[in-house]
Every structure is written in C-alpha cells, then in structure tokens.
Amino acid sequence: MSGFDIISAMKLGMSSASFFPNLHTEDTLEEIASLGIDTCEVFFETRSQYCEEYANIMKDKLKRANEIHKLEIHSAHSMTNQFEPDLFSQGERARADGEEIYRNFLATCKSLGIKYQTFHGATILKRAVKYTHDYEKLSKRVNYLVDLAKSYGVKLCYENVHWTYFHEPEYFEKLKPYCPELGSVLDIKQAMQSGIDYKDYLKVMGNTLETVHLCDYNIDGTTAIPGKGSFDFVELFKRLQDIGYDGPCLLEVYSKNYKDIDELKESYNYLEVCLDKSKK
C-alpha cells in the first residue's frame, strides 16, 4: 500500500468536548452532523449519563443527527476524576466503587456501539514528586481493566495527559510490553502542556494508536483552534502516514478558543486542507 493510500484512509472528525460546557453531550451530535462531519468522539459530562435511559436519549439524538449527515461515534471518554483514579486506588472499597461506575460507563458504550475508550487513568496529585512505578505490578491492574472493557466490546486506549501518570512517553513505553492489547490516544495539546514533543509520544505508541486529538497552540503555550496557532498539521499528518495510521483525527478544542460554529467549521476546513497537502 502506498503512503497516499494510507493517508487517504485517515478520517477527520470532531470531539463533542469541543462544545463543553455550552452544550450537553446529546445536543452536540446534530451540531457536529450539521458541519458535514461523519466521525466523532463523545465526551460524557457526568455519572448520571452512564445508564440505559441516557443511552436511549443518545440513540434518538444520533438518529436525528443522521437525518442531517451520516455520523458515527468512534470513541467515548469520561470526566476523568469521576472514577478513573479510583480504579488504581490502594483502597479496596474505592476500587470497587470506581469499577461499578466504570462498568456502567462501559455498558452505555456497548449500548451505543462505541468501540474505543479514551482513558486518562490515575492522576498526579503532587507535581513536585517524581512518580515511580512497578510496571509489572501495574500492568496486572491495567490488563484487568483492558479485559473488562473488552467484555463490553470496547478497547481501552490510554491518552497522554499532562496531569496523569501518562504525562511522559516513558510511562507508556515501559507499560506496553506487559499490556499487548492496550491501545493509545495521541493528544497534541496535552503533549505541549507536558513540555514534550508529540513525536516522542508517537514513537512509543506506534501501532497501538487508535485516535488522535487535534488542537492548535501558540508559542506562549496558549491553546487555539487549528489554523489560528503555530502547530504544523501537515507535518503531523505526514508522520501519521509514515507509521501507517488510518484511524480518526478528531478536532478537540476548548469552547473558549472560538466564537461561534462558523469559526469552528472554518477550522475544520483548514484541517481538511492540511490533510490534502500531506498527501502530495
């Protein structure tokens, strides 16, 4: 397969997190479809959404969105501190409570046919402390969660996030050999916020990569919508092509980064142009 064929298979899409907190999750689907986008990630705002009743609301909203433009939900992620850190707690009761919520989250994903989870995991509470890990021991817990997600038809994908264990490439690099079914998510702005070149994350993620989050930023570290910052998206798409990535690249920005839906559409169109340039 040629590089052109590989990059052509890559999709652009959008995360519903781009509308948070101005719109509820279910109300973002029609907005995304109205932009002519066919792939999205849903950001669940709160634990009350992890139930069949809410899944049915989402199904109805997705049906309406598809009347505007065909839209598929690729992945989902939760508000991290609702339960993900508890999944790694030393306390048995905290782990049990976290897992109960996690199972409800996974059941909602299964009901909606969502195949991938963007996972943040445990958080760093003391930035001044250098965290060290027993990766063999840690992997047993991670593999348990991977298998739990798999039982609901969901693939757990670890995302690089600057305030979690996976804030530096070394964490995933050392964990990966013990967790052969673990996926990954590359987040451009989070790499910047960690002070690490995104290419260093990409190197250790390799063929585990299932999702890419796109956001622009300026040299002073402030975030921006793609096209309004200094990040080179053409280079990114070429590098993704080089590793044979053919999954979605999802626009995920902060709502403070744009004024209205037209500006968001303009940014998405800019990414389409960058993707086209990367093929040449």
Protein backbone atom coordinates (compact mmCIF):
# COMPACT_ATOMS: atom_id res chain seq x y z
CA MET A 1 0.00 0.00 0.00
CA SER A 2 1.35 3.42 -0.91
CA GLY A 3 1.66 6.31 1.54
CA PHE A 4 -1.09 8.10 -0.37
CA ASP A 5 -3.46 5.17 0.13
CA ILE A 6 -2.66 5.03 3.83
CA ILE A 7 -3.25 8.71 4.48
CA SER A 8 -6.40 8.65 2.34
CA ALA A 9 -7.89 6.11 4.75
CA MET A 10 -7.41 8.51 7.66
CA LYS A 11 -10.55 10.29 8.82
CA LEU A 12 -11.11 13.74 10.20
CA GLY A 13 -13.75 14.17 12.86
CA MET A 14 -14.68 16.08 16.00
CA SER A 15 -14.99 15.52 19.72
CA SER A 16 -18.15 16.68 21.45
CA ALA A 17 -15.82 18.06 24.14
CA SER A 18 -15.29 20.99 21.78
CA PHE A 19 -18.74 22.23 22.86
CA PHE A 20 -18.32 21.66 26.61
CA PRO A 21 -19.77 23.17 28.77
CA ASN A 22 -22.03 25.16 26.44
CA LEU A 23 -23.94 22.14 25.12
CA HIS A 24 -24.89 18.85 26.72
CA THR A 25 -23.37 15.77 25.11
CA GLU A 26 -26.54 14.62 23.39
CA ASP A 27 -27.13 18.06 21.86
CA THR A 28 -23.70 18.15 20.21
CA LEU A 29 -24.48 15.34 17.77
CA GLU A 30 -26.74 17.37 15.50
CA GLU A 31 -24.29 20.28 15.63
CA ILE A 32 -21.44 18.02 14.52
CA ALA A 33 -23.56 16.46 11.77
CA SER A 34 -24.57 19.93 10.55
CA LEU A 35 -20.89 20.61 9.84
CA GLY A 36 -20.78 17.67 7.43
CA ILE A 37 -18.61 15.61 9.80
CA ASP A 38 -19.09 11.85 9.82
CA THR A 39 -16.91 10.72 12.77
CA CYS A 40 -16.99 11.88 16.37
CA GLU A 41 -15.99 11.16 19.93
CA VAL A 42 -18.49 11.73 22.71
CA PHE A 43 -17.48 13.31 25.98
CA PHE A 44 -19.68 12.20 28.86
CA GLU A 45 -20.02 15.01 31.36
CA THR A 46 -21.34 13.23 34.44
CA ARG A 47 -22.06 9.85 36.03
CA SER A 48 -25.80 10.20 35.55
CA GLN A 49 -25.21 9.59 31.84
CA TYR A 50 -23.96 6.04 32.46
CA CYS A 51 -27.29 4.28 32.19
CA GLU A 52 -29.61 2.74 29.61
CA GLU A 53 -32.06 5.64 29.88
CA TYR A 54 -29.39 8.07 28.75
CA ALA A 55 -28.14 5.67 26.09
CA ASN A 56 -31.65 5.73 24.62
CA ILE A 57 -31.61 9.53 24.59
CA MET A 58 -28.30 9.41 22.74
CA LYS A 59 -29.67 6.89 20.25
CA ASP A 60 -32.58 9.18 19.48
CA LYS A 61 -30.28 12.19 19.08
CA LEU A 62 -27.91 10.18 16.89
CA LYS A 63 -30.83 9.15 14.69
CA ARG A 64 -31.77 12.83 14.26
CA ALA A 65 -28.15 13.71 13.52
CA ASN A 66 -28.02 11.05 10.83
CA GLU A 67 -31.00 12.66 9.13
CA ILE A 68 -28.71 15.68 8.63
CA HIS A 69 -25.49 13.85 7.79
CA LYS A 70 -24.26 10.30 8.41
CA LEU A 71 -22.46 10.33 11.76
CA GLU A 72 -20.61 7.54 13.56
CA ILE A 73 -19.43 7.60 17.18
CA HIS A 74 -15.87 6.29 17.15
CA SER A 75 -14.96 6.65 20.81
CA ALA A 76 -16.02 7.95 24.20
CA HIS A 77 -14.31 9.41 27.21
CA SER A 78 -15.48 10.40 30.64
CA MET A 79 -14.82 13.22 33.02
CA THR A 80 -11.67 11.63 34.41
CA ASN A 81 -11.89 12.33 38.11
CA GLN A 82 -15.37 10.84 38.38
CA PHE A 83 -13.96 7.31 38.71
CA GLU A 84 -10.77 6.60 36.76
CA PRO A 85 -8.29 7.45 39.56
CA ASP A 86 -10.26 5.19 41.93
CA LEU A 87 -9.62 2.26 39.59
CA PHE A 88 -5.97 2.48 40.74
CA SER A 89 -6.66 3.20 44.40
CA GLN A 90 -4.86 1.26 47.12
CA GLY A 91 -8.19 1.08 48.93
CA GLU A 92 -10.37 -1.90 48.09
CA ARG A 93 -13.65 -0.03 48.59
CA ALA A 94 -12.56 2.88 46.42
CA ARG A 95 -11.54 0.44 43.67
CA ALA A 96 -14.87 -1.36 43.93
CA ASP A 97 -16.84 1.89 43.69
CA GLY A 98 -14.74 3.06 40.76
CA GLU A 99 -15.24 -0.23 38.97
CA GLU A 100 -19.01 -0.11 39.48
CA ILE A 101 -19.15 3.29 37.78
CA TYR A 102 -16.75 2.07 35.10
CA ARG A 103 -18.99 -0.90 34.30
CA ASN A 104 -21.93 1.48 33.90
CA PHE A 105 -19.85 3.64 31.57
CA LEU A 106 -18.86 0.60 29.51
CA ALA A 107 -22.45 -0.65 29.38
CA THR A 108 -23.50 2.71 27.96
CA CYS A 109 -20.75 2.49 25.35
CA LYS A 110 -21.86 -1.02 24.42
CA SER A 111 -25.47 0.10 24.05
CA LEU A 112 -24.33 2.84 21.67
CA GLY A 113 -21.99 0.58 19.73
CA ILE A 114 -18.90 2.56 20.76
CA LYS A 115 -15.73 0.52 20.20
CA TYR A 116 -12.99 2.70 21.72
CA GLN A 117 -12.49 4.41 25.06
CA THR A 118 -10.19 7.38 25.59
CA PHE A 119 -8.72 6.61 29.02
CA HIS A 120 -6.85 9.01 31.29
CA GLY A 121 -6.26 6.77 34.28
CA ALA A 122 -4.67 7.82 37.56
CA THR A 123 -3.83 11.46 38.19
CA ILE A 124 -0.70 13.12 39.51
CA LEU A 125 -1.63 14.81 42.77
CA LYS A 126 1.83 16.13 43.68
CA ARG A 127 3.66 17.64 40.73
CA ALA A 128 6.83 18.19 42.76
CA VAL A 129 7.18 14.45 43.41
CA LYS A 130 8.77 12.10 40.86
CA TYR A 131 6.39 9.17 40.47
CA THR A 132 7.95 5.73 40.07
CA HIS A 133 6.07 2.60 39.04
CA ASP A 134 6.40 -1.14 39.33
CA TYR A 135 5.30 -1.71 35.73
CA GLU A 136 4.89 -5.44 36.05
CA LYS A 137 2.58 -4.98 39.04
CA LEU A 138 0.80 -2.00 37.48
CA SER A 139 0.21 -3.92 34.26
CA LYS A 140 -1.85 -6.53 36.11
CA ARG A 141 -4.35 -3.83 37.03
CA VAL A 142 -4.25 -2.26 33.57
CA ASN A 143 -4.76 -5.63 31.89
CA TYR A 144 -7.70 -6.32 34.19
CA LEU A 145 -9.29 -3.06 33.02
CA VAL A 146 -8.42 -3.84 29.39
CA ASP A 147 -10.16 -7.21 29.71
CA LEU A 148 -13.13 -5.64 31.49
CA ALA A 149 -13.56 -3.12 28.68
CA LYS A 150 -13.15 -5.89 26.10
CA SER A 151 -16.00 -7.84 27.69
CA TYR A 152 -18.25 -4.90 26.72
CA GLY A 153 -16.84 -4.73 23.20
CA VAL A 154 -14.70 -1.68 24.00
CA LYS A 155 -10.94 -1.21 23.51
CA LEU A 156 -9.23 0.74 26.28
CA CYS A 157 -6.88 3.36 24.83
CA TYR A 158 -4.52 5.30 27.09
CA GLU A 159 -4.21 9.01 26.29
CA ASN A 160 -1.20 11.17 27.05
CA VAL A 161 -2.42 13.82 29.51
CA HIS A 162 -0.13 16.23 31.35
CA TRP A 163 -1.71 15.73 34.78
CA THR A 164 -1.82 11.90 34.75
CA TYR A 165 0.68 9.03 35.00
CA PHE A 166 0.93 9.08 31.22
CA HIS A 167 2.35 12.59 31.06
CA GLU A 168 5.64 11.37 29.61
CA PRO A 169 6.37 8.78 26.89
CA GLU A 170 8.39 6.60 29.26
CA TYR A 171 5.25 5.55 31.13
CA PHE A 172 3.59 4.02 28.08
CA GLU A 173 6.87 2.68 26.70
CA LYS A 174 7.51 0.65 29.86
CA LEU A 175 3.90 -0.42 30.35
CA LYS A 176 3.25 -1.50 26.76
CA PRO A 177 5.31 -4.74 26.75
CA TYR A 178 3.18 -6.05 29.62
CA CYS A 179 -0.12 -4.97 28.03
CA PRO A 180 -0.30 -6.29 24.45
CA GLU A 181 -3.97 -5.34 23.94
CA LEU A 182 -3.69 -1.79 25.25
CA GLY A 183 -4.43 0.97 22.74
CA SER A 184 -3.37 4.61 22.79
CA VAL A 185 -4.61 8.12 22.02
CA LEU A 186 -2.30 10.94 20.95
CA ASP A 187 -3.33 14.40 22.15
CA ILE A 188 -1.35 17.26 20.59
CA LYS A 189 -2.18 19.97 23.11
CA GLN A 190 -1.53 17.67 26.05
CA ALA A 191 1.94 16.91 24.68
CA MET A 192 2.60 20.65 24.52
CA GLN A 193 1.28 21.12 28.05
CA SER A 194 3.63 18.37 29.23
CA GLY A 195 6.53 20.21 27.60
CA ILE A 196 7.33 17.20 25.40
CA ASP A 197 7.43 16.91 21.61
CA TYR A 198 4.41 14.96 20.33
CA LYS A 199 6.76 12.91 18.13
CA ASP A 200 8.22 11.33 21.27
CA TYR A 201 4.77 10.05 22.22
CA LEU A 202 4.09 8.90 18.68
CA LYS A 203 7.30 6.88 18.69
CA VAL A 204 6.29 4.80 21.72
CA MET A 205 2.62 4.50 20.71
CA GLY A 206 3.37 3.08 17.26
CA ASN A 207 0.76 0.65 16.02
CA THR A 208 -1.25 0.87 19.27
CA LEU A 209 -2.59 4.26 18.14
CA GLU A 210 -6.38 4.32 17.67
CA THR A 211 -7.33 8.01 17.99
CA VAL A 212 -5.67 11.41 17.57
CA HIS A 213 -6.91 14.63 19.18
CA LEU A 214 -6.21 17.87 17.34
CA CYS A 215 -5.86 21.33 18.82
CA ASP A 216 -3.60 24.22 17.89
CA TYR A 217 -1.48 26.33 20.20
CA ASN A 218 0.76 29.37 20.22
CA ILE A 219 4.43 29.65 21.16
CA ASP A 220 3.43 31.04 24.56
CA GLY A 221 1.53 27.82 25.33
CA THR A 222 -1.99 29.19 24.92
CA THR A 223 -4.39 26.97 23.01
CA ALA A 224 -6.16 27.89 19.78
CA ILE A 225 -8.35 26.31 17.15
CA PRO A 226 -6.42 24.76 14.22
CA GLY A 227 -5.37 27.45 11.79
CA LYS A 228 -5.05 30.12 14.48
CA GLY A 229 -1.88 28.85 16.16
CA SER A 230 1.63 27.73 15.24
CA PHE A 231 1.30 23.92 15.06
CA ASP A 232 2.23 22.21 11.78
CA PHE A 233 -0.67 19.87 10.99
CA VAL A 234 0.68 18.94 7.56
CA GLU A 235 3.78 17.52 9.19
CA LEU A 236 1.66 15.66 11.74
CA PHE A 237 -0.46 14.02 9.04
CA LYS A 238 2.68 13.02 7.14
CA ARG A 239 4.15 11.43 10.26
CA LEU A 240 0.91 9.55 10.87
CA GLN A 241 1.12 8.37 7.28
CA ASP A 242 4.65 7.14 7.90
CA ILE A 243 3.51 4.78 10.66
CA GLY A 244 0.52 3.57 8.65
CA TYR A 245 -2.11 5.18 10.86
CA ASP A 246 -5.56 5.04 9.28
CA GLY A 247 -7.83 5.97 12.19
CA PRO A 248 -9.62 9.22 13.02
CA CYS A 249 -8.02 12.57 13.78
CA LEU A 250 -10.57 14.43 15.87
CA LEU A 251 -10.82 18.18 16.36
CA GLU A 252 -10.91 18.65 20.14
CA VAL A 253 -10.64 22.24 21.26
CA TYR A 254 -11.80 24.26 24.23
CA SER A 255 -15.02 26.21 23.71
CA LYS A 256 -13.17 29.37 24.79
CA ASN A 257 -10.97 29.03 21.67
CA TYR A 258 -13.70 30.04 19.20
CA LYS A 259 -16.60 32.45 18.96
CA ASP A 260 -19.24 30.56 17.01
CA ILE A 261 -20.00 27.49 14.93
CA ASP A 262 -18.86 29.19 11.74
CA GLU A 263 -15.38 29.69 13.16
CA LEU A 264 -15.32 26.03 14.22
CA LYS A 265 -16.32 24.99 10.70
CA GLU A 266 -13.58 27.19 9.25
CA SER A 267 -11.06 25.45 11.48
CA TYR A 268 -12.28 22.03 10.38
CA ASN A 269 -11.97 23.09 6.75
CA TYR A 270 -8.40 24.20 7.47
CA LEU A 271 -7.61 20.68 8.71
CA GLU A 272 -9.07 19.24 5.50
CA VAL A 273 -6.70 21.42 3.50
CA CYS A 274 -3.75 20.31 5.65
CA LEU A 275 -4.71 16.67 5.19
CA ASP A 276 -4.90 17.15 1.42
CA LYS A 277 -1.48 18.83 1.36
CA SER A 278 0.03 15.96 3.32
CA LYS A 279 -0.86 13.56 0.51
CA LYS A 280 1.20 15.41 -2.09
